[in-house]
């Protein structure tokens, strides 16, 4: 098995396991309800890992090195949304600021990105005030 095949298999297994936890909590179907009642947190740090091209299209997250340690942020949205805003996703080494929802699922903390300030100062909103992903139109179904 090649390195790329092992990596793809690992990502598939991780996604499968994480999806099970999220379904158990209802996050996959009613995530906006869970998120909007969650604590919002803000972190700044250097990007130390980014998802593979296969997972970026599914909106999986990136790892940020912060004063509190490495934190993985999910829900960055599809590539086409970033392209529609004429923005490039963060790269390893970029110093960014993320506002996220902090959600505890089965005793583990997950961080779902709400907005980002990129290394060049550009900002991007990922969820509206009701925690709906803006790339699907938000609650009002208006593309922002």
N, C-alpha and C. Protein backbone atom coordinates (compact mmCIF):
# COMPACT_ATOMS: atom_id res chain seq x y z
N UNK A 1 0.86 -1.17 0.00
CA UNK A 1 0.00 0.00 0.00
C UNK A 1 0.90 1.24 0.00
N UNK A 2 0.63 2.15 -0.90
CA UNK A 2 1.45 3.36 -1.01
C UNK A 2 1.14 4.32 0.13
N UNK A 3 2.01 5.28 0.32
CA UNK A 3 1.81 6.29 1.36
C UNK A 3 0.52 7.06 1.12
N UNK A 4 0.25 7.39 -0.14
CA UNK A 4 -0.97 8.14 -0.45
C UNK A 4 -2.20 7.29 -0.13
N UNK A 5 -2.17 6.00 -0.44
CA UNK A 5 -3.31 5.14 -0.15
C UNK A 5 -3.52 5.02 1.36
N UNK A 6 -2.42 4.91 2.11
CA UNK A 6 -2.54 4.83 3.57
C UNK A 6 -3.13 6.13 4.13
N UNK A 7 -2.68 7.26 3.59
CA UNK A 7 -3.19 8.55 4.05
C UNK A 7 -4.69 8.67 3.76
N UNK A 8 -5.09 8.30 2.57
CA UNK A 8 -6.51 8.36 2.20
C UNK A 8 -7.32 7.43 3.09
N UNK A 9 -6.80 6.22 3.34
CA UNK A 9 -7.50 5.27 4.21
C UNK A 9 -7.63 5.82 5.62
N UNK A 10 -6.56 6.43 6.13
CA UNK A 10 -6.59 7.01 7.48
C UNK A 10 -7.61 8.13 7.57
N UNK A 11 -7.65 8.99 6.57
CA UNK A 11 -8.62 10.09 6.56
C UNK A 11 -10.04 9.54 6.52
N UNK A 12 -10.27 8.52 5.71
CA UNK A 12 -11.60 7.92 5.62
C UNK A 12 -12.03 7.36 6.97
N UNK A 13 -11.12 6.64 7.64
CA UNK A 13 -11.45 6.04 8.94
C UNK A 13 -11.71 7.13 9.97
N UNK A 14 -10.87 8.15 10.02
CA UNK A 14 -11.06 9.25 10.95
C UNK A 14 -12.39 9.95 10.71
N UNK A 15 -12.69 10.21 9.44
CA UNK A 15 -13.96 10.87 9.10
C UNK A 15 -15.14 10.00 9.53
N UNK A 16 -15.04 8.70 9.29
CA UNK A 16 -16.10 7.77 9.67
C UNK A 16 -16.31 7.78 11.19
N UNK A 17 -15.21 7.69 11.95
CA UNK A 17 -15.32 7.68 13.41
C UNK A 17 -15.87 8.99 13.94
N UNK A 18 -15.40 10.11 13.40
CA UNK A 18 -15.86 11.41 13.86
C UNK A 18 -17.33 11.62 13.51
N UNK A 19 -17.74 11.18 12.33
CA UNK A 19 -19.13 11.33 11.91
C UNK A 19 -20.05 10.58 12.86
N UNK A 20 -19.62 9.40 13.33
CA UNK A 20 -20.43 8.64 14.29
C UNK A 20 -20.67 9.43 15.55
N UNK A 21 -19.64 10.06 16.07
CA UNK A 21 -19.79 10.87 17.29
C UNK A 21 -20.71 12.05 17.04
N UNK A 22 -20.56 12.68 15.88
CA UNK A 22 -21.38 13.85 15.58
C UNK A 22 -22.84 13.45 15.38
N UNK A 23 -23.10 12.30 14.74
CA UNK A 23 -24.47 11.84 14.59
C UNK A 23 -25.08 11.56 15.95
N UNK A 24 -24.30 10.95 16.85
CA UNK A 24 -24.81 10.60 18.17
C UNK A 24 -25.26 11.85 18.92
N UNK A 25 -24.61 12.95 18.69
CA UNK A 25 -24.95 14.20 19.37
C UNK A 25 -25.95 15.02 18.54
N UNK A 26 -26.23 14.58 17.32
CA UNK A 26 -27.15 15.32 16.47
C UNK A 26 -26.50 16.47 15.74
N UNK A 27 -25.17 16.57 15.80
CA UNK A 27 -24.49 17.73 15.22
C UNK A 27 -24.59 17.75 13.71
N UNK A 28 -24.63 16.60 13.08
CA UNK A 28 -24.68 16.57 11.62
C UNK A 28 -26.01 17.13 11.09
N UNK A 29 -27.09 16.95 11.83
CA UNK A 29 -28.39 17.40 11.35
C UNK A 29 -28.82 18.74 11.93
N UNK A 30 -28.53 18.97 13.18
CA UNK A 30 -28.98 20.18 13.87
C UNK A 30 -27.81 20.98 14.41
N UNK A 31 -26.73 21.00 13.66
CA UNK A 31 -25.53 21.64 14.18
C UNK A 31 -25.73 23.10 14.53
N UNK A 32 -26.54 23.81 13.76
CA UNK A 32 -26.72 25.23 14.06
C UNK A 32 -27.36 25.43 15.43
N UNK A 33 -28.27 24.54 15.83
CA UNK A 33 -28.91 24.66 17.14
C UNK A 33 -27.90 24.39 18.26
N UNK A 34 -27.07 23.38 18.08
CA UNK A 34 -26.05 23.06 19.08
C UNK A 34 -25.00 24.16 19.13
N UNK A 35 -24.57 24.63 17.95
CA UNK A 35 -23.51 25.62 17.90
C UNK A 35 -23.93 26.96 18.46
N UNK A 36 -25.12 27.43 18.10
CA UNK A 36 -25.50 28.77 18.53
C UNK A 36 -25.63 28.89 20.05
N UNK A 37 -25.83 27.76 20.73
CA UNK A 37 -25.90 27.77 22.19
C UNK A 37 -24.55 27.45 22.83
N UNK A 38 -23.52 27.26 22.01
CA UNK A 38 -22.19 26.92 22.52
C UNK A 38 -21.37 28.17 22.80
N UNK A 39 -20.37 27.99 23.61
CA UNK A 39 -19.44 29.07 23.94
C UNK A 39 -18.61 29.43 22.71
N UNK A 40 -18.46 30.72 22.45
CA UNK A 40 -17.58 31.18 21.37
C UNK A 40 -16.22 31.51 21.96
N UNK A 41 -15.18 31.03 21.27
CA UNK A 41 -13.82 31.25 21.72
C UNK A 41 -13.01 31.84 20.58
N UNK A 42 -11.91 32.47 20.93
CA UNK A 42 -11.05 33.10 19.92
C UNK A 42 -9.61 32.65 20.17
N UNK A 43 -8.95 32.22 19.10
CA UNK A 43 -7.56 31.79 19.19
C UNK A 43 -6.76 32.43 18.07
N UNK A 44 -5.50 32.68 18.38
CA UNK A 44 -4.57 33.16 17.36
C UNK A 44 -3.31 32.31 17.46
N UNK A 45 -2.76 31.98 16.30
CA UNK A 45 -1.54 31.19 16.29
C UNK A 45 -1.10 30.87 14.88
N UNK A 46 -0.10 30.02 14.80
CA UNK A 46 0.44 29.61 13.50
C UNK A 46 -0.19 28.31 13.04
N UNK A 47 -0.51 28.25 11.78
CA UNK A 47 -1.05 27.04 11.19
C UNK A 47 0.09 26.02 11.11
N UNK A 48 -0.14 24.83 11.68
CA UNK A 48 0.90 23.80 11.66
C UNK A 48 0.50 22.59 10.82
N UNK A 49 -0.78 22.47 10.47
CA UNK A 49 -1.21 21.38 9.60
C UNK A 49 -2.49 21.81 8.89
N UNK A 50 -2.58 21.41 7.63
CA UNK A 50 -3.78 21.69 6.83
C UNK A 50 -4.30 20.37 6.28
N UNK A 51 -5.59 20.30 5.98
CA UNK A 51 -6.15 19.05 5.45
C UNK A 51 -5.62 18.77 4.05
N UNK A 52 -5.72 17.52 3.66
CA UNK A 52 -5.31 17.13 2.31
C UNK A 52 -6.32 17.67 1.31
N UNK A 53 -5.97 17.71 0.04
CA UNK A 53 -6.92 18.18 -0.97
C UNK A 53 -8.23 17.40 -0.96
N UNK A 54 -8.18 16.13 -0.59
CA UNK A 54 -9.41 15.33 -0.57
C UNK A 54 -10.37 15.79 0.51
N UNK A 55 -9.84 16.19 1.66
CA UNK A 55 -10.72 16.57 2.75
C UNK A 55 -11.10 18.04 2.70
N UNK A 56 -10.34 18.89 2.01
CA UNK A 56 -10.67 20.31 1.96
C UNK A 56 -12.04 20.52 1.34
N UNK A 57 -12.38 19.74 0.35
CA UNK A 57 -13.68 19.93 -0.29
C UNK A 57 -14.82 19.61 0.66
N UNK A 58 -14.56 18.84 1.70
CA UNK A 58 -15.59 18.48 2.66
C UNK A 58 -15.59 19.40 3.87
N UNK A 59 -14.72 20.42 3.86
CA UNK A 59 -14.74 21.41 4.92
C UNK A 59 -14.05 21.01 6.20
N UNK A 60 -13.19 19.98 6.17
CA UNK A 60 -12.48 19.61 7.38
C UNK A 60 -11.47 20.67 7.75
N UNK A 61 -10.98 20.59 8.96
CA UNK A 61 -10.25 21.69 9.53
C UNK A 61 -8.75 21.71 9.37
N UNK A 62 -8.17 22.59 10.14
CA UNK A 62 -6.73 22.76 10.17
C UNK A 62 -6.29 22.81 11.62
N UNK A 63 -4.98 22.61 11.83
CA UNK A 63 -4.44 22.62 13.18
C UNK A 63 -3.67 23.92 13.39
N UNK A 64 -4.00 24.58 14.48
CA UNK A 64 -3.39 25.85 14.84
C UNK A 64 -2.57 25.65 16.11
N UNK A 65 -1.33 26.11 16.11
CA UNK A 65 -0.50 26.07 17.31
C UNK A 65 -0.78 27.35 18.10
N UNK A 66 -1.31 27.18 19.30
CA UNK A 66 -1.67 28.33 20.14
C UNK A 66 -0.93 28.24 21.47
N UNK A 67 -1.11 29.23 22.32
CA UNK A 67 -0.52 29.20 23.66
C UNK A 67 -1.08 28.03 24.47
N UNK A 68 -2.28 27.58 24.11
CA UNK A 68 -2.91 26.46 24.81
C UNK A 68 -2.53 25.10 24.20
N UNK A 69 -1.74 25.10 23.15
CA UNK A 69 -1.36 23.87 22.46
C UNK A 69 -1.96 23.81 21.07
N UNK A 70 -1.85 22.65 20.43
CA UNK A 70 -2.42 22.46 19.10
C UNK A 70 -3.92 22.25 19.17
N UNK A 71 -4.66 22.99 18.36
CA UNK A 71 -6.12 22.88 18.33
C UNK A 71 -6.55 22.69 16.88
N UNK A 72 -7.43 21.69 16.66
CA UNK A 72 -7.96 21.43 15.32
C UNK A 72 -9.30 22.16 15.19
N UNK A 73 -9.44 22.90 14.11
CA UNK A 73 -10.68 23.63 13.82
C UNK A 73 -11.34 23.01 12.61
N UNK A 74 -12.64 22.76 12.73
CA UNK A 74 -13.43 22.15 11.66
C UNK A 74 -14.39 23.17 11.07
N UNK A 75 -15.01 22.82 9.95
CA UNK A 75 -16.06 23.65 9.37
C UNK A 75 -15.56 24.85 8.60
N UNK A 76 -14.43 24.70 7.91
CA UNK A 76 -13.88 25.83 7.16
C UNK A 76 -14.57 26.06 5.82
N UNK A 77 -15.50 25.21 5.47
CA UNK A 77 -16.25 25.40 4.24
C UNK A 77 -15.55 24.84 3.02
N UNK A 78 -16.31 24.71 1.95
CA UNK A 78 -15.76 24.15 0.71
C UNK A 78 -14.83 25.13 -0.01
N UNK A 79 -13.95 24.58 -0.81
CA UNK A 79 -13.00 25.39 -1.57
C UNK A 79 -13.72 26.41 -2.44
N UNK A 80 -14.82 26.02 -3.08
CA UNK A 80 -15.50 26.94 -3.99
C UNK A 80 -15.99 28.20 -3.25
N UNK A 81 -16.33 28.07 -1.95
CA UNK A 81 -16.77 29.23 -1.19
C UNK A 81 -15.60 30.21 -1.02
N UNK A 82 -14.43 29.68 -0.66
CA UNK A 82 -13.25 30.52 -0.52
C UNK A 82 -12.92 31.20 -1.85
N UNK A 83 -13.01 30.44 -2.93
CA UNK A 83 -12.71 31.00 -4.26
C UNK A 83 -13.71 32.09 -4.62
N UNK A 84 -14.99 31.90 -4.23
CA UNK A 84 -16.00 32.92 -4.54
C UNK A 84 -15.71 34.24 -3.83
N UNK A 85 -14.98 34.16 -2.72
CA UNK A 85 -14.58 35.36 -1.97
C UNK A 85 -13.20 35.85 -2.38
N UNK A 86 -12.61 35.17 -3.35
CA UNK A 86 -11.27 35.48 -3.86
C UNK A 86 -10.23 35.44 -2.73
N UNK A 87 -10.36 34.41 -1.89
CA UNK A 87 -9.44 34.20 -0.78
C UNK A 87 -8.77 32.84 -0.91
N UNK A 88 -7.57 32.76 -0.38
CA UNK A 88 -6.82 31.51 -0.36
C UNK A 88 -6.84 30.97 1.07
N UNK A 89 -7.07 29.67 1.18
CA UNK A 89 -7.07 29.05 2.51
C UNK A 89 -5.70 29.21 3.17
N UNK A 90 -5.69 29.24 4.49
CA UNK A 90 -4.42 29.37 5.20
C UNK A 90 -3.46 28.22 4.86
N UNK A 91 -2.18 28.54 4.91
CA UNK A 91 -1.12 27.57 4.65
C UNK A 91 -0.29 27.38 5.92
N UNK A 92 0.43 26.28 5.97
CA UNK A 92 1.32 26.03 7.11
C UNK A 92 2.27 27.23 7.25
N UNK A 93 2.37 27.73 8.47
CA UNK A 93 3.22 28.88 8.77
C UNK A 93 2.47 30.19 8.88
N UNK A 94 1.26 30.26 8.31
CA UNK A 94 0.46 31.50 8.41
C UNK A 94 0.04 31.73 9.85
N UNK A 95 0.06 32.99 10.28
CA UNK A 95 -0.45 33.36 11.59
C UNK A 95 -1.86 33.90 11.38
N UNK A 96 -2.85 33.21 11.95
CA UNK A 96 -4.25 33.59 11.74
C UNK A 96 -4.97 33.67 13.09
N UNK A 97 -6.15 34.27 13.03
CA UNK A 97 -7.02 34.37 14.21
C UNK A 97 -8.34 33.70 13.84
N UNK A 98 -8.83 32.84 14.72
CA UNK A 98 -10.08 32.11 14.46
C UNK A 98 -11.04 32.32 15.63
N UNK A 99 -12.26 32.67 15.30
CA UNK A 99 -13.36 32.66 16.27
C UNK A 99 -14.12 31.38 15.99
N UNK A 100 -14.38 30.59 17.04
CA UNK A 100 -14.99 29.28 16.85
C UNK A 100 -16.00 28.99 17.95
N UNK A 101 -16.86 28.02 17.65
CA UNK A 101 -17.76 27.48 18.66
C UNK A 101 -17.05 26.31 19.32
N UNK A 102 -17.08 26.27 20.64
CA UNK A 102 -16.47 25.19 21.40
C UNK A 102 -17.58 24.23 21.81
N UNK A 103 -17.50 22.98 21.34
CA UNK A 103 -18.55 22.01 21.58
C UNK A 103 -17.95 20.75 22.21
N UNK A 104 -18.55 20.30 23.29
CA UNK A 104 -18.09 19.06 23.92
C UNK A 104 -18.98 17.91 23.46
N UNK A 105 -18.34 16.87 22.93
CA UNK A 105 -19.05 15.67 22.48
C UNK A 105 -18.36 14.47 23.09
N UNK A 106 -19.10 13.71 23.88
CA UNK A 106 -18.56 12.53 24.56
C UNK A 106 -17.27 12.83 25.30
N UNK A 107 -17.22 13.96 25.99
CA UNK A 107 -16.08 14.32 26.80
C UNK A 107 -14.91 14.92 26.03
N UNK A 108 -15.03 15.08 24.75
CA UNK A 108 -13.94 15.66 23.94
C UNK A 108 -14.40 16.99 23.37
N UNK A 109 -13.49 17.98 23.36
CA UNK A 109 -13.81 19.30 22.84
C UNK A 109 -13.56 19.35 21.34
N UNK A 110 -14.51 19.92 20.62
CA UNK A 110 -14.38 20.17 19.18
C UNK A 110 -14.56 21.66 18.95
N UNK A 111 -13.88 22.17 17.93
CA UNK A 111 -13.92 23.59 17.62
C UNK A 111 -14.40 23.75 16.18
N UNK A 112 -15.52 24.46 16.01
CA UNK A 112 -16.11 24.68 14.69
C UNK A 112 -15.95 26.16 14.37
N UNK A 113 -15.23 26.43 13.29
CA UNK A 113 -14.89 27.80 12.93
C UNK A 113 -16.12 28.63 12.60
N UNK A 114 -16.16 29.85 13.13
CA UNK A 114 -17.22 30.81 12.83
C UNK A 114 -16.70 31.89 11.88
N UNK A 115 -15.47 32.35 12.13
CA UNK A 115 -14.86 33.37 11.27
C UNK A 115 -13.35 33.30 11.42
N UNK A 116 -12.65 33.86 10.44
CA UNK A 116 -11.19 33.88 10.46
C UNK A 116 -10.68 35.25 10.05
N UNK A 117 -9.53 35.61 10.60
CA UNK A 117 -8.76 36.74 10.09
C UNK A 117 -7.46 36.12 9.59
N UNK A 118 -7.24 36.25 8.30
CA UNK A 118 -6.10 35.61 7.65
C UNK A 118 -4.82 36.39 7.88
N UNK A 119 -3.70 35.78 7.52
CA UNK A 119 -2.38 36.38 7.72
C UNK A 119 -2.25 37.74 7.05
N UNK A 120 -2.93 37.93 5.91
CA UNK A 120 -2.83 39.21 5.18
C UNK A 120 -3.85 40.24 5.68
N UNK A 121 -4.62 39.90 6.72
CA UNK A 121 -5.59 40.82 7.29
C UNK A 121 -7.01 40.66 6.74
N UNK A 122 -7.18 39.88 5.66
CA UNK A 122 -8.52 39.62 5.14
C UNK A 122 -9.30 38.80 6.15
N UNK A 123 -10.61 39.01 6.17
CA UNK A 123 -11.46 38.23 7.08
C UNK A 123 -12.50 37.47 6.28
N UNK A 124 -12.98 36.39 6.88
CA UNK A 124 -13.99 35.56 6.23
C UNK A 124 -14.97 35.05 7.26
N UNK A 125 -16.24 35.32 7.04
CA UNK A 125 -17.31 34.79 7.88
C UNK A 125 -17.69 33.41 7.35
N UNK A 126 -17.79 32.44 8.24
CA UNK A 126 -18.16 31.08 7.85
C UNK A 126 -19.55 30.69 8.33
N UNK A 127 -20.03 31.33 9.38
CA UNK A 127 -21.36 31.03 9.91
C UNK A 127 -22.06 32.34 10.24
N UNK A 128 -23.38 32.35 10.02
CA UNK A 128 -24.15 33.55 10.32
C UNK A 128 -24.44 33.63 11.82
N UNK A 129 -25.23 34.61 12.23
CA UNK A 129 -25.51 34.83 13.66
C UNK A 129 -26.27 33.66 14.30
N UNK A 130 -26.89 32.82 13.48
CA UNK A 130 -27.60 31.64 13.99
C UNK A 130 -26.79 30.37 13.83
N UNK A 131 -25.51 30.50 13.47
CA UNK A 131 -24.56 29.39 13.32
C UNK A 131 -24.78 28.56 12.06
N UNK A 132 -25.57 29.07 11.11
CA UNK A 132 -25.73 28.37 9.83
C UNK A 132 -24.52 28.64 8.94
N UNK A 133 -24.03 27.63 8.23
CA UNK A 133 -22.92 27.87 7.29
C UNK A 133 -23.34 28.85 6.20
N UNK A 134 -22.58 29.92 6.01
CA UNK A 134 -22.99 30.93 5.04
C UNK A 134 -22.86 30.44 3.61
N UNK A 135 -22.04 29.42 3.35
CA UNK A 135 -21.90 28.93 1.97
C UNK A 135 -23.14 28.17 1.50
N UNK A 136 -24.05 27.83 2.41
CA UNK A 136 -25.32 27.24 2.00
C UNK A 136 -26.45 28.24 2.12
N UNK A 137 -26.08 29.49 2.35
CA UNK A 137 -27.06 30.56 2.35
C UNK A 137 -27.46 31.06 3.71
N UNK A 138 -26.97 30.44 4.79
CA UNK A 138 -27.39 30.88 6.11
C UNK A 138 -28.87 30.62 6.32
N UNK A 139 -29.39 31.00 7.44
CA UNK A 139 -30.80 30.75 7.75
C UNK A 139 -31.73 31.47 6.77
N UNK A 140 -31.30 32.64 6.35
CA UNK A 140 -32.16 33.41 5.44
C UNK A 140 -31.99 32.97 3.98
N UNK A 141 -31.09 32.02 3.75
CA UNK A 141 -30.82 31.48 2.41
C UNK A 141 -30.25 32.54 1.46
N UNK A 142 -29.68 33.58 2.02
CA UNK A 142 -29.01 34.59 1.20
C UNK A 142 -27.53 34.26 1.20
N UNK A 143 -26.95 34.16 0.03
CA UNK A 143 -25.52 33.92 -0.06
C UNK A 143 -24.81 35.20 0.29
N UNK A 144 -23.91 35.14 1.26
CA UNK A 144 -23.22 36.34 1.71
C UNK A 144 -21.93 36.51 0.99
